[in-house]
Amino acid sequence: MATKVVDLRSDTVTKPTDAMRAAMAAADVDDDVRDGDPTALRFQAEMAALMGKEAALFVPSGTMANLVSVLVHCDVRGSEVILGDDSHIHLYENGGISTIGGVHPRTVRSNPDGTMDIDKIVAAIRRPEGVIYYPTTRLICLENTHVNSGGRCLSVEYTDKVGEIAKSHGLKLHIDGARIFNASAALGVPVDRLVKAADSVSVCLSKGLGAPVGSVIVGSKAFIDKAKFLRKTLGGGMRQVGVLCAAAQVAVRDTMGKLADDHRRAKALADGLNKIEQFTVDSASVETNMLCQILEKHNVLANPRSSKSVRVVLHYHISDSDVQYALTCFEKAVEELLTGGTKFEHLADGTSKNSYGY
């Protein structure tokens, strides 16, 4: 077997392009905490316009983006947020909304397609007559795309319906849009329309878009003014941050149009795996750039999730030939496994150190 390695662990493993590095070197910068960094200010304005919101704020990470957003909406102690029991905010962000923000999570079962049943969302909203006993519902969180359902996309119709429910009950809607541009590309819906119902959205720049660092929060001007204060409180205020925003600008400009290619290759990989007898992949569920199947790493870097599933993610470093090479590796890995030539030691206990939902 050839020694080439194709890294499918996550879309967070990409390296900055030459264009990104050049933009970083040439960035016009200043102290962003004091008077604002010019490159950051331009980039934030561009992202706000792109997302159809009044304002935007660059933050170091997606976890901080979601934490800041939840804390802005739930600024009264005893607040509660409704979110999926399989959501990234609930499972993979260190419980920050509770440990730092004192916000109580009220989980609703996540469906295989990443949605929560509308009637269950409504049922989870606390009634005013119970205020002396219960937390106060202030926020609903959605995740689009939904990482633990393999990158499934939430439709604009579903998002609008949840937005209507939030508005009718005096609540806010936040979308964890770490890969919202993947959802936009897969659904064929402009990103501003996809998030129109949301009061705030977090957008990760270092996942599918391929920037080296950072996320952006978008919302109303009043929301972003509060978010900026909380960003500083959490240690996210940075000085010459235009160096990072310059790379992110290039990522948004150059990578958005290539996301459909990532999705096409993901489906090609799924179709190829389905031709291998020992694997089962629901190709219909492969909407964006993630796949989970009974698989093990063999000359391809993948992210084991359990004893019977592995997550693989397509990104702009993965070419058509890489997909074919990966399929060849998977086939040969099966052959070795069936003949006893390969042992899956790091899956022997059914778990993995690297099975986080990024």
Protein backbone atom coordinates (compact mmCIF):
# COMPACT_ATOMS: atom_id res chain seq x y z
CA MET A 1 0.00 0.00 0.00
CA ALA A 2 1.22 3.49 -0.80
CA THR A 3 2.34 5.72 2.04
CA LYS A 4 0.27 8.77 1.10
CA VAL A 5 -1.91 10.10 3.91
CA VAL A 6 -5.31 11.72 3.36
CA ASP A 7 -6.43 13.61 6.45
CA LEU A 8 -10.18 13.17 6.91
CA ARG A 9 -10.28 13.72 10.68
CA SER A 10 -11.95 17.11 10.44
CA ASP A 11 -12.18 20.26 8.35
CA THR A 12 -10.25 21.97 11.15
CA VAL A 13 -6.96 20.42 9.99
CA THR A 14 -6.57 22.61 6.91
CA LYS A 15 -3.50 24.82 6.50
CA PRO A 16 -3.64 28.49 5.45
CA THR A 17 -3.32 28.99 1.71
CA ASP A 18 -0.57 31.12 0.19
CA ALA A 19 -3.18 33.84 -0.39
CA MET A 20 -4.17 33.78 3.27
CA ARG A 21 -0.54 34.01 4.41
CA ALA A 22 0.10 36.92 2.05
CA ALA A 23 -2.99 38.75 3.31
CA MET A 24 -1.88 38.24 6.91
CA ALA A 25 1.55 39.67 6.17
CA ALA A 26 0.11 42.73 4.43
CA ALA A 27 -2.79 43.42 6.81
CA ASP A 28 -3.44 46.98 7.94
CA VAL A 29 -3.65 46.68 11.73
CA ASP A 30 -4.19 48.64 14.93
CA ASP A 31 -5.24 48.01 18.54
CA ASP A 32 -8.67 46.41 18.24
CA VAL A 33 -9.41 46.65 21.97
CA ARG A 34 -8.83 50.41 22.07
CA ASP A 35 -10.00 52.05 18.86
CA GLY A 36 -10.62 49.12 16.56
CA ASP A 37 -8.41 47.33 14.06
CA PRO A 38 -9.16 48.60 10.51
CA THR A 39 -8.98 45.18 8.88
CA ALA A 40 -11.18 43.68 11.60
CA LEU A 41 -13.70 46.48 11.25
CA ARG A 42 -13.93 45.99 7.47
CA PHE A 43 -14.23 42.23 7.80
CA GLN A 44 -16.92 42.47 10.46
CA ALA A 45 -18.93 44.87 8.30
CA GLU A 46 -18.62 42.49 5.34
CA MET A 47 -19.77 39.51 7.42
CA ALA A 48 -22.73 41.41 8.83
CA ALA A 49 -23.85 42.35 5.32
CA LEU A 50 -23.32 38.81 4.04
CA MET A 51 -25.40 37.35 6.87
CA GLY A 52 -28.13 39.99 6.61
CA LYS A 53 -27.57 41.35 10.12
CA GLU A 54 -26.75 44.81 11.48
CA ALA A 55 -23.37 44.07 13.00
CA ALA A 56 -20.70 41.42 13.55
CA LEU A 57 -17.90 40.64 15.98
CA PHE A 58 -14.75 38.54 15.46
CA VAL A 59 -13.94 36.17 18.35
CA PRO A 60 -11.14 33.62 18.81
CA SER A 61 -13.25 30.45 18.68
CA GLY A 62 -16.65 28.91 18.02
CA THR A 63 -17.00 27.96 21.67
CA MET A 64 -16.55 31.60 22.70
CA ALA A 65 -18.95 32.69 19.96
CA ASN A 66 -21.73 30.48 21.30
CA LEU A 67 -20.97 31.27 24.94
CA VAL A 68 -21.01 35.02 24.36
CA SER A 69 -24.24 34.75 22.35
CA VAL A 70 -26.05 32.73 25.01
CA LEU A 71 -24.87 35.08 27.77
CA VAL A 72 -26.04 38.18 25.91
CA HIS A 73 -29.52 36.71 25.49
CA CYS A 74 -29.65 35.20 28.99
CA ASP A 75 -28.32 38.14 30.96
CA VAL A 76 -30.52 37.50 34.01
CA ARG A 77 -29.60 34.82 36.55
CA GLY A 78 -32.03 31.92 36.46
CA SER A 79 -32.38 32.00 32.68
CA GLU A 80 -32.94 28.82 30.70
CA VAL A 81 -32.08 27.87 27.11
CA ILE A 82 -33.86 25.18 25.06
CA LEU A 83 -31.47 23.16 22.90
CA GLY A 84 -30.99 19.68 21.47
CA ASP A 85 -29.69 16.93 23.74
CA ASP A 86 -27.19 16.01 21.01
CA SER A 87 -26.14 19.56 20.22
CA HIS A 88 -22.59 20.86 20.16
CA ILE A 89 -23.28 23.59 22.72
CA HIS A 90 -24.68 21.03 25.15
CA LEU A 91 -22.09 18.29 24.68
CA TYR A 92 -18.78 19.72 23.51
CA GLU A 93 -18.35 23.21 24.94
CA ASN A 94 -17.36 22.37 28.52
CA GLY A 95 -20.78 23.27 29.90
CA GLY A 96 -19.73 26.89 29.70
CA ILE A 97 -23.24 28.32 29.59
CA SER A 98 -23.80 26.82 33.05
CA THR A 99 -20.37 26.97 34.68
CA ILE A 100 -19.61 30.51 33.53
CA GLY A 101 -23.00 31.99 32.72
CA GLY A 102 -25.28 30.31 35.25
CA VAL A 103 -27.67 29.46 32.41
CA HIS A 104 -29.77 26.32 32.79
CA PRO A 105 -29.96 24.00 29.74
CA ARG A 106 -33.35 22.43 28.99
CA THR A 107 -32.73 19.72 26.45
CA VAL A 108 -35.12 18.39 23.84
CA ARG A 109 -34.37 15.13 22.03
CA SER A 110 -32.45 15.68 18.80
CA ASN A 111 -33.87 13.83 15.80
CA PRO A 112 -31.60 11.97 13.35
CA ASP A 113 -31.89 14.90 10.93
CA GLY A 114 -30.69 17.42 13.52
CA THR A 115 -34.10 18.96 14.21
CA MET A 116 -36.10 19.03 17.43
CA ASP A 117 -39.81 18.31 17.18
CA ILE A 118 -41.73 21.57 17.12
CA ASP A 119 -44.31 20.39 19.66
CA LYS A 120 -41.53 19.35 22.04
CA ILE A 121 -39.89 22.76 21.77
CA VAL A 122 -43.21 24.39 22.64
CA ALA A 123 -43.75 21.98 25.54
CA ALA A 124 -40.30 22.83 26.92
CA ILE A 125 -41.07 26.55 27.23
CA ARG A 126 -41.68 27.39 30.88
CA ARG A 127 -45.09 28.86 31.68
CA PRO A 128 -45.32 32.16 33.59
CA GLU A 129 -47.39 30.58 36.35
CA GLY A 130 -44.44 28.37 37.26
CA VAL A 131 -41.98 31.22 37.72
CA ILE A 132 -41.65 30.63 41.47
CA TYR A 133 -40.48 27.06 40.82
CA TYR A 134 -38.66 27.00 37.50
CA PRO A 135 -35.98 28.83 35.53
CA THR A 136 -37.21 31.38 33.00
CA THR A 137 -37.01 30.38 29.32
CA ARG A 138 -35.26 33.11 27.35
CA LEU A 139 -33.59 31.42 24.37
CA ILE A 140 -33.84 28.61 21.82
CA CYS A 141 -30.68 27.32 20.13
CA LEU A 142 -30.49 25.49 16.81
CA GLU A 143 -27.42 24.01 15.12
CA ASN A 144 -26.98 24.18 11.34
CA THR A 145 -25.36 22.04 10.07
CA HIS A 146 -25.86 19.50 12.87
CA VAL A 147 -22.58 17.80 13.67
CA ASN A 148 -23.84 14.70 15.49
CA SER A 149 -26.30 13.84 12.73
CA GLY A 150 -23.43 13.73 10.24
CA GLY A 151 -23.71 17.29 8.99
CA ARG A 152 -27.45 17.34 8.23
CA CYS A 153 -28.92 20.67 7.20
CA LEU A 154 -31.86 22.42 8.82
CA SER A 155 -34.23 23.76 6.19
CA VAL A 156 -35.18 27.41 6.00
CA GLU A 157 -38.82 26.41 6.56
CA TYR A 158 -37.96 24.63 9.81
CA THR A 159 -35.78 27.50 11.01
CA ASP A 160 -38.51 30.02 10.20
CA LYS A 161 -41.04 27.95 12.16
CA VAL A 162 -38.81 27.84 15.24
CA GLY A 163 -38.25 31.56 14.84
CA GLU A 164 -42.00 32.15 14.83
CA ILE A 165 -42.37 30.12 18.02
CA ALA A 166 -39.58 32.05 19.71
CA LYS A 167 -41.06 35.39 18.72
CA SER A 168 -44.59 34.46 19.79
CA HIS A 169 -43.32 33.51 23.25
CA GLY A 170 -41.04 36.52 23.67
CA LEU A 171 -37.88 34.43 23.28
CA LYS A 172 -34.70 34.84 21.24
CA LEU A 173 -33.32 32.40 18.65
CA HIS A 174 -29.60 31.69 18.34
CA ILE A 175 -28.16 29.53 15.57
CA ASP A 176 -24.89 27.72 16.11
CA GLY A 177 -23.88 28.10 12.48
CA ALA A 178 -20.36 26.69 12.70
CA ARG A 179 -20.87 25.28 9.19
CA ILE A 180 -23.78 27.47 8.06
CA PHE A 181 -22.11 28.12 4.70
CA ASN A 182 -22.06 24.36 4.08
CA ALA A 183 -25.79 24.31 4.79
CA SER A 184 -26.35 27.23 2.44
CA ALA A 185 -24.42 25.50 -0.35
CA ALA A 186 -26.14 22.14 0.16
CA LEU A 187 -29.66 23.58 0.34
CA GLY A 188 -29.16 26.14 -2.39
CA VAL A 189 -30.46 28.88 -0.09
CA PRO A 190 -28.61 32.19 0.38
CA VAL A 191 -27.07 32.30 3.83
CA ASP A 192 -28.82 35.54 4.82
CA ARG A 193 -32.20 33.96 4.03
CA LEU A 194 -31.27 30.80 5.91
CA VAL A 195 -30.66 32.74 9.14
CA LYS A 196 -33.26 35.48 8.69
CA ALA A 197 -35.33 34.22 11.64
CA ALA A 198 -32.37 34.21 14.03
CA ASP A 199 -31.57 36.95 16.50
CA SER A 200 -27.92 35.87 16.51
CA VAL A 201 -25.69 33.47 14.60
CA SER A 202 -22.20 32.14 15.27
CA VAL A 203 -20.14 31.36 12.18
CA CYS A 204 -16.91 29.36 12.36
CA LEU A 205 -14.22 30.54 9.97
CA SER A 206 -11.71 27.75 10.64
CA LYS A 207 -13.88 24.77 9.67
CA GLY A 208 -15.25 24.40 6.14
CA LEU A 209 -14.06 27.85 5.11
CA GLY A 210 -10.48 26.96 6.05
CA ALA A 211 -9.26 30.09 7.86
CA PRO A 212 -6.56 29.39 10.46
CA VAL A 213 -8.37 30.95 13.45
CA GLY A 214 -11.62 32.47 14.56
CA SER A 215 -15.39 32.77 14.44
CA VAL A 216 -17.80 35.63 13.89
CA ILE A 217 -20.99 36.47 15.78
CA VAL A 218 -23.69 38.40 13.93
CA GLY A 219 -26.83 40.10 15.20
CA SER A 220 -28.31 43.50 15.92
CA LYS A 221 -26.08 46.43 16.80
CA ALA A 222 -27.35 46.36 20.39
CA PHE A 223 -26.59 42.64 20.61
CA ILE A 224 -23.05 43.09 19.27
CA ASP A 225 -22.38 46.01 21.65
CA LYS A 226 -23.13 43.66 24.57
CA ALA A 227 -21.20 40.83 22.92
CA LYS A 228 -18.11 43.01 22.61
CA PHE A 229 -18.18 43.68 26.35
CA LEU A 230 -18.50 39.96 27.14
CA ARG A 231 -15.75 39.06 24.68
CA LYS A 232 -13.39 41.27 26.67
CA THR A 233 -14.60 39.77 29.95
CA LEU A 234 -13.83 36.26 28.67
CA GLY A 235 -10.34 37.22 27.48
CA GLY A 236 -11.21 37.39 23.80
CA GLY A 237 -10.24 40.99 23.19
CA MET A 238 -7.16 40.93 20.96
CA ARG A 239 -4.89 43.70 19.76
CA GLN A 240 -3.71 43.58 16.12
CA VAL A 241 -6.40 41.05 15.25
CA GLY A 242 -6.48 42.21 11.62
CA VAL A 243 -3.72 39.68 10.97
CA LEU A 244 -6.29 36.94 11.62
CA CYS A 245 -9.22 38.73 10.01
CA ALA A 246 -7.21 39.18 6.81
CA ALA A 247 -6.86 35.41 6.45
CA ALA A 248 -10.56 34.98 7.24
CA GLN A 249 -11.48 37.49 4.53
CA VAL A 250 -9.57 35.42 1.98
CA ALA A 251 -11.19 32.23 3.27
CA VAL A 252 -14.68 33.63 2.82
CA ARG A 253 -13.83 35.04 -0.59
CA ASP A 254 -12.06 31.99 -1.99
CA THR A 255 -13.62 28.97 -0.25
CA MET A 256 -17.39 29.57 -0.19
CA GLY A 257 -17.71 28.72 -3.86
CA LYS A 258 -15.78 25.47 -3.38
CA LEU A 259 -17.99 23.98 -0.66
CA ALA A 260 -20.22 22.27 -3.23
CA ASP A 261 -17.14 20.38 -4.43
CA ASP A 262 -16.52 19.15 -0.87
CA HIS A 263 -20.12 17.89 -0.73
CA ARG A 264 -19.83 16.19 -4.12
CA ARG A 265 -16.69 14.39 -2.98
CA ALA A 266 -18.38 13.39 0.28
CA LYS A 267 -21.17 11.73 -1.68
CA ALA A 268 -18.63 10.05 -3.96
CA LEU A 269 -16.87 8.66 -0.90
CA ALA A 270 -20.18 7.46 0.55
CA ASP A 271 -21.14 5.78 -2.72
CA GLY A 272 -17.74 4.13 -2.93
CA LEU A 273 -17.95 2.83 0.64
CA ASN A 274 -21.40 1.40 -0.05
CA LYS A 275 -19.82 -0.81 -2.71
CA ILE A 276 -17.65 -2.42 -0.04
CA GLU A 277 -19.69 -5.26 1.48
CA GLN A 278 -18.71 -4.60 5.08
CA PHE A 279 -19.70 -0.92 5.08
CA THR A 280 -23.11 0.71 5.21
CA VAL A 281 -23.51 4.41 4.49
CA ASP A 282 -26.82 6.22 4.10
CA SER A 283 -25.91 8.27 1.05
CA ALA A 284 -29.19 10.17 1.27
CA SER A 285 -28.10 11.58 4.63
CA VAL A 286 -24.77 12.80 3.26
CA GLU A 287 -25.84 16.37 2.63
CA THR A 288 -22.62 18.16 3.40
CA ASN A 289 -19.09 17.06 4.26
CA MET A 290 -19.37 14.37 6.95
CA LEU A 291 -19.82 10.60 6.92
CA CYS A 292 -20.13 8.03 9.70
CA GLN A 293 -19.77 4.33 8.99
CA ILE A 294 -18.32 1.09 10.25
CA LEU A 295 -14.74 1.76 9.35
CA GLU A 296 -11.21 1.98 10.70
CA LYS A 297 -8.30 4.09 9.82
CA HIS A 298 -5.79 2.54 7.45
CA ASN A 299 -3.38 4.93 5.80
CA VAL A 300 -6.10 7.55 6.04
CA LEU A 301 -6.54 9.87 9.04
CA ALA A 302 -10.12 9.56 10.33
CA ASN A 303 -11.86 10.32 13.61
CA PRO A 304 -13.21 7.22 15.45
CA ARG A 305 -16.52 7.85 17.20
CA SER A 306 -17.28 4.42 18.67
CA SER A 307 -16.49 0.76 18.13
CA LYS A 308 -18.68 0.74 15.02
CA SER A 309 -18.51 4.18 13.51
CA VAL A 310 -15.93 6.60 12.22
CA ARG A 311 -16.40 10.22 11.26
CA VAL A 312 -14.68 11.47 8.13
CA VAL A 313 -14.82 15.06 6.92
CA LEU A 314 -14.13 16.47 3.47
CA HIS A 315 -12.48 19.88 3.06
CA TYR A 316 -10.69 21.95 0.45
CA HIS A 317 -7.42 20.03 0.83
CA ILE A 318 -9.16 16.81 -0.33
CA SER A 319 -9.15 16.27 -4.10
CA ASP A 320 -11.04 13.81 -6.30
CA SER A 321 -7.92 11.64 -6.46
CA ASP A 322 -7.68 11.73 -2.66
CA VAL A 323 -11.20 10.32 -2.42
CA GLN A 324 -10.31 7.46 -4.75
CA TYR A 325 -7.10 6.85 -2.84
CA ALA A 326 -9.03 6.78 0.45
CA LEU A 327 -11.49 4.24 -0.95
CA THR A 328 -8.60 2.01 -1.99
CA CYS A 329 -7.19 2.25 1.53
CA PHE A 330 -10.56 1.37 3.07
CA GLU A 331 -10.89 -1.69 0.84
CA LYS A 332 -7.43 -2.91 1.75
CA ALA A 333 -8.07 -2.24 5.43
CA VAL A 334 -11.13 -4.49 5.28
CA GLU A 335 -9.12 -7.22 3.62
CA GLU A 336 -6.49 -7.08 6.35
CA LEU A 337 -9.12 -6.99 9.09
CA LEU A 338 -10.94 -10.03 7.71
CA THR A 339 -7.69 -11.96 7.42
CA GLY A 340 -6.53 -10.89 10.87
CA GLY A 341 -3.82 -8.63 9.54
CA THR A 342 -4.97 -5.48 11.30
CA LYS A 343 -5.98 -4.89 14.91
CA PHE A 344 -8.10 -1.95 15.94
CA GLU A 345 -6.44 -1.44 19.30
CA HIS A 346 -7.61 2.08 19.96
CA LEU A 347 -11.22 0.96 19.46
CA ALA A 348 -10.96 -2.12 21.65
CA ASP A 349 -12.94 -0.49 24.47
CA GLY A 350 -15.49 1.01 22.11
CA THR A 351 -14.31 4.56 22.70
CA SER A 352 -11.72 6.97 21.44
CA LYS A 353 -9.83 9.89 22.87
CA ASN A 354 -10.44 11.78 19.63
CA SER A 355 -14.21 11.32 19.28
CA TYR A 356 -15.15 14.90 20.06
CA GLY A 357 -17.82 16.50 17.92
CA TYR A 358 -15.78 19.08 16.07
